[in-house]
Amino acid sequence: MSANMADDLIYHCCPADAWAEAQVLGAYTGSADDARDGFIHFSTFAQVRTSTAKHRSGQAGLVLLVVNAEKLGDTLKWEPSRGDMLFPHLYGALPIDAVTQAIDLPLDPDGMHVFPDGYPALEEG
């Protein structure tokens, strides 16, 4: 599947209302940025906090989608991005049955998202 085969779970942040709509439709088609780029952006466990801080800083009402990467088949590609790290990109809609959890990401007083216990610390740099 990828150089990151150990990453059975991948992560995507989206507005809670977009996720609610996706559950009615049966699939999530991504954000405007995803549509512009031609794929839905995901992160690995090690990348998710940094990606969220970089691309969603200060945005309230987000959920963190935890996705079973194996359910995405050949539409999931691992491609180099920031710092030549491999990131998972989904070329197609995300079926809701591939999502194992949707976790609310509240903001702390500094506008940073509060991740559940057990998530990696935000990397500096």
C-alpha atoms as a PDB file:
ATOM      1  CA  MET A   1       0.000   0.000   0.000  1.00  0.00           C
ATOM      2  CA  SER A   2       2.626   2.553   1.031  1.00  0.00           C
ATOM      3  CA  ALA A   3       5.877   3.268   2.757  1.00  0.00           C
ATOM      4  CA  ASN A   4       3.680   3.937   5.802  1.00  0.00           C
ATOM      5  CA  MET A   5       1.925   0.570   5.806  1.00  0.00           C
ATOM      6  CA  ALA A   6       1.822   0.621   9.591  1.00  0.00           C
ATOM      7  CA  ASP A   7      -0.575   3.547   9.356  1.00  0.00           C
ATOM      8  CA  ASP A   8      -3.834   1.586   9.187  1.00  0.00           C
ATOM      9  CA  LEU A   9      -5.623   4.721  10.382  1.00  0.00           C
ATOM     10  CA  ILE A  10      -5.450   8.118   8.706  1.00  0.00           C
ATOM     11  CA  TYR A  11      -6.951  11.426   9.810  1.00  0.00           C
ATOM     12  CA  HIS A  12      -8.843  14.365   8.317  1.00  0.00           C
ATOM     13  CA  CYS A  13     -10.305  17.483   9.966  1.00  0.00           C
ATOM     14  CA  CYS A  14     -13.536  18.917   8.654  1.00  0.00           C
ATOM     15  CA  PRO A  15     -16.388  21.102   9.860  1.00  0.00           C
ATOM     16  CA  ALA A  16     -18.886  19.150  11.955  1.00  0.00           C
ATOM     17  CA  ASP A  17     -21.739  20.295   9.697  1.00  0.00           C
ATOM     18  CA  ALA A  18     -19.938  18.931   6.608  1.00  0.00           C
ATOM     19  CA  TRP A  19     -19.557  15.580   8.383  1.00  0.00           C
ATOM     20  CA  ALA A  20     -23.244  15.598   9.361  1.00  0.00           C
ATOM     21  CA  GLU A  21     -24.179  16.235   5.724  1.00  0.00           C
ATOM     22  CA  ALA A  22     -21.843  13.453   4.564  1.00  0.00           C
ATOM     23  CA  GLN A  23     -23.598  10.988   6.857  1.00  0.00           C
ATOM     24  CA  VAL A  24     -26.907  11.797   5.143  1.00  0.00           C
ATOM     25  CA  LEU A  25     -25.355  11.529   1.662  1.00  0.00           C
ATOM     26  CA  GLY A  26     -23.285   8.419   2.436  1.00  0.00           C
ATOM     27  CA  ALA A  27     -19.940   9.994   1.514  1.00  0.00           C
ATOM     28  CA  TYR A  28     -17.751  13.009   2.282  1.00  0.00           C
ATOM     29  CA  THR A  29     -16.450  14.839  -0.780  1.00  0.00           C
ATOM     30  CA  GLY A  30     -13.962  17.139   0.957  1.00  0.00           C
ATOM     31  CA  SER A  31     -13.422  20.841   1.411  1.00  0.00           C
ATOM     32  CA  ALA A  32     -12.990  23.583  -1.185  1.00  0.00           C
ATOM     33  CA  ASP A  33      -9.218  23.120  -0.811  1.00  0.00           C
ATOM     34  CA  ASP A  34      -9.602  19.400  -1.465  1.00  0.00           C
ATOM     35  CA  ALA A  35     -11.699  20.092  -4.572  1.00  0.00           C
ATOM     36  CA  ARG A  36      -9.092  22.581  -5.810  1.00  0.00           C
ATOM     37  CA  ASP A  37      -6.274  20.053  -5.350  1.00  0.00           C
ATOM     38  CA  GLY A  38      -8.211  17.116  -6.818  1.00  0.00           C
ATOM     39  CA  PHE A  39      -8.001  14.894  -3.736  1.00  0.00           C
ATOM     40  CA  ILE A  40      -8.981  14.803  -0.062  1.00  0.00           C
ATOM     41  CA  HIS A  41      -6.031  15.625   2.195  1.00  0.00           C
ATOM     42  CA  PHE A  42      -5.298  13.232   5.058  1.00  0.00           C
ATOM     43  CA  SER A  43      -2.548  12.970   7.641  1.00  0.00           C
ATOM     44  CA  THR A  44      -0.956  10.150   9.560  1.00  0.00           C
ATOM     45  CA  PHE A  45      -1.139   9.957  13.347  1.00  0.00           C
ATOM     46  CA  ALA A  46       2.298  11.616  13.579  1.00  0.00           C
ATOM     47  CA  GLN A  47       1.296  14.434  11.178  1.00  0.00           C
ATOM     48  CA  VAL A  48      -2.265  15.275  12.203  1.00  0.00           C
ATOM     49  CA  ARG A  49      -1.618  17.857  14.932  1.00  0.00           C
ATOM     50  CA  THR A  50       0.896  19.800  12.849  1.00  0.00           C
ATOM     51  CA  SER A  51      -1.364  19.693   9.768  1.00  0.00           C
ATOM     52  CA  THR A  52      -4.356  20.884  11.791  1.00  0.00           C
ATOM     53  CA  ALA A  53      -2.372  23.753  13.319  1.00  0.00           C
ATOM     54  CA  LYS A  54      -1.061  24.757   9.889  1.00  0.00           C
ATOM     55  CA  HIS A  55      -4.297  24.548   7.895  1.00  0.00           C
ATOM     56  CA  ARG A  56      -7.155  24.878  10.426  1.00  0.00           C
ATOM     57  CA  SER A  57      -5.764  27.158  13.150  1.00  0.00           C
ATOM     58  CA  GLY A  58      -8.512  28.972  15.030  1.00  0.00           C
ATOM     59  CA  GLN A  59     -11.365  27.252  13.162  1.00  0.00           C
ATOM     60  CA  ALA A  60     -14.142  26.283  15.561  1.00  0.00           C
ATOM     61  CA  GLY A  61     -16.634  23.466  15.058  1.00  0.00           C
ATOM     62  CA  LEU A  62     -14.245  20.889  13.610  1.00  0.00           C
ATOM     63  CA  VAL A  63     -14.276  17.140  13.936  1.00  0.00           C
ATOM     64  CA  LEU A  64     -11.346  14.810  13.485  1.00  0.00           C
ATOM     65  CA  LEU A  65     -12.274  11.905  11.230  1.00  0.00           C
ATOM     66  CA  VAL A  66     -10.419   8.682  12.003  1.00  0.00           C
ATOM     67  CA  VAL A  67     -10.410   6.574   8.852  1.00  0.00           C
ATOM     68  CA  ASN A  68      -9.562   2.938   8.161  1.00  0.00           C
ATOM     69  CA  ALA A  69      -7.114   3.353   5.270  1.00  0.00           C
ATOM     70  CA  GLU A  70      -7.551  -0.235   4.100  1.00  0.00           C
ATOM     71  CA  LYS A  71     -11.201   0.442   3.201  1.00  0.00           C
ATOM     72  CA  LEU A  72     -10.149   3.061   0.644  1.00  0.00           C
ATOM     73  CA  GLY A  73      -8.364   0.699  -1.725  1.00  0.00           C
ATOM     74  CA  ASP A  74      -6.553   2.047  -4.756  1.00  0.00           C
ATOM     75  CA  THR A  75      -8.132   5.510  -4.473  1.00  0.00           C
ATOM     76  CA  LEU A  76      -5.706   6.242  -1.604  1.00  0.00           C
ATOM     77  CA  LYS A  77      -2.247   7.346  -2.742  1.00  0.00           C
ATOM     78  CA  TRP A  78       0.784   8.162  -0.568  1.00  0.00           C
ATOM     79  CA  GLU A  79       2.501  11.223  -2.040  1.00  0.00           C
ATOM     80  CA  PRO A  80       5.311  13.553  -0.940  1.00  0.00           C
ATOM     81  CA  SER A  81       4.278  16.924   0.421  1.00  0.00           C
ATOM     82  CA  ARG A  82       5.534  19.161   3.221  1.00  0.00           C
ATOM     83  CA  GLY A  83       9.241  18.420   3.762  1.00  0.00           C
ATOM     84  CA  ASP A  84       9.021  15.468   1.336  1.00  0.00           C
ATOM     85  CA  MET A  85       7.050  13.515   3.946  1.00  0.00           C
ATOM     86  CA  LEU A  86       4.528  11.067   2.512  1.00  0.00           C
ATOM     87  CA  PHE A  87       0.908  12.070   3.068  1.00  0.00           C
ATOM     88  CA  PRO A  88      -2.215  10.060   2.269  1.00  0.00           C
ATOM     89  CA  HIS A  89      -4.364  11.591  -0.482  1.00  0.00           C
ATOM     90  CA  LEU A  90      -7.771  10.199  -1.402  1.00  0.00           C
ATOM     91  CA  TYR A  91      -8.726  10.505  -5.069  1.00  0.00           C
ATOM     92  CA  GLY A  92     -12.467  10.194  -4.708  1.00  0.00           C
ATOM     93  CA  ALA A  93     -15.164  10.569  -2.086  1.00  0.00           C
ATOM     94  CA  LEU A  94     -14.684   9.213   1.428  1.00  0.00           C
ATOM     95  CA  PRO A  95     -17.317   6.547   2.140  1.00  0.00           C
ATOM     96  CA  ILE A  96     -18.747   7.072   5.598  1.00  0.00           C
ATOM     97  CA  ASP A  97     -18.309   3.389   6.454  1.00  0.00           C
ATOM     98  CA  ALA A  98     -14.522   3.876   6.303  1.00  0.00           C
ATOM     99  CA  VAL A  99     -14.738   6.363   9.197  1.00  0.00           C
ATOM    100  CA  THR A 100     -14.218   4.655  12.551  1.00  0.00           C
ATOM    101  CA  GLN A 101     -14.638   7.780  14.708  1.00  0.00           C
ATOM    102  CA  ALA A 102     -15.534  11.455  14.451  1.00  0.00           C
ATOM    103  CA  ILE A 103     -13.993  13.312  17.394  1.00  0.00           C
ATOM    104  CA  ASP A 104     -14.907  16.895  18.322  1.00  0.00           C
ATOM    105  CA  LEU A 105     -11.889  19.225  18.311  1.00  0.00           C
ATOM    106  CA  PRO A 106     -12.675  22.167  20.593  1.00  0.00           C
ATOM    107  CA  LEU A 107     -10.431  25.210  20.721  1.00  0.00           C
ATOM    108  CA  ASP A 108      -8.383  26.157  23.756  1.00  0.00           C
ATOM    109  CA  PRO A 109      -8.149  29.836  24.859  1.00  0.00           C
ATOM    110  CA  ASP A 110      -5.186  30.323  22.482  1.00  0.00           C
ATOM    111  CA  GLY A 111      -7.166  29.110  19.454  1.00  0.00           C
ATOM    112  CA  MET A 112      -5.363  25.751  19.256  1.00  0.00           C
ATOM    113  CA  HIS A 113      -7.358  22.557  18.801  1.00  0.00           C
ATOM    114  CA  VAL A 114      -7.615  20.261  21.792  1.00  0.00           C
ATOM    115  CA  PHE A 115      -6.845  16.680  20.764  1.00  0.00           C
ATOM    116  CA  PRO A 116      -7.838  13.664  22.852  1.00  0.00           C
ATOM    117  CA  ASP A 117      -5.311  12.185  25.246  1.00  0.00           C
ATOM    118  CA  GLY A 118      -2.872   9.913  23.481  1.00  0.00           C
ATOM    119  CA  TYR A 119      -2.339  12.089  20.431  1.00  0.00           C
ATOM    120  CA  PRO A 120       1.221  13.193  19.709  1.00  0.00           C
ATOM    121  CA  ALA A 121       2.438  16.552  20.947  1.00  0.00           C
ATOM    122  CA  LEU A 122       2.554  19.343  18.386  1.00  0.00           C
ATOM    123  CA  GLU A 123       5.973  19.397  16.768  1.00  0.00           C
ATOM    124  CA  GLU A 124       7.781  22.683  16.778  1.00  0.00           C
ATOM    125  CA  GLY A 125       9.242  23.903  13.542  1.00  0.00           C
END
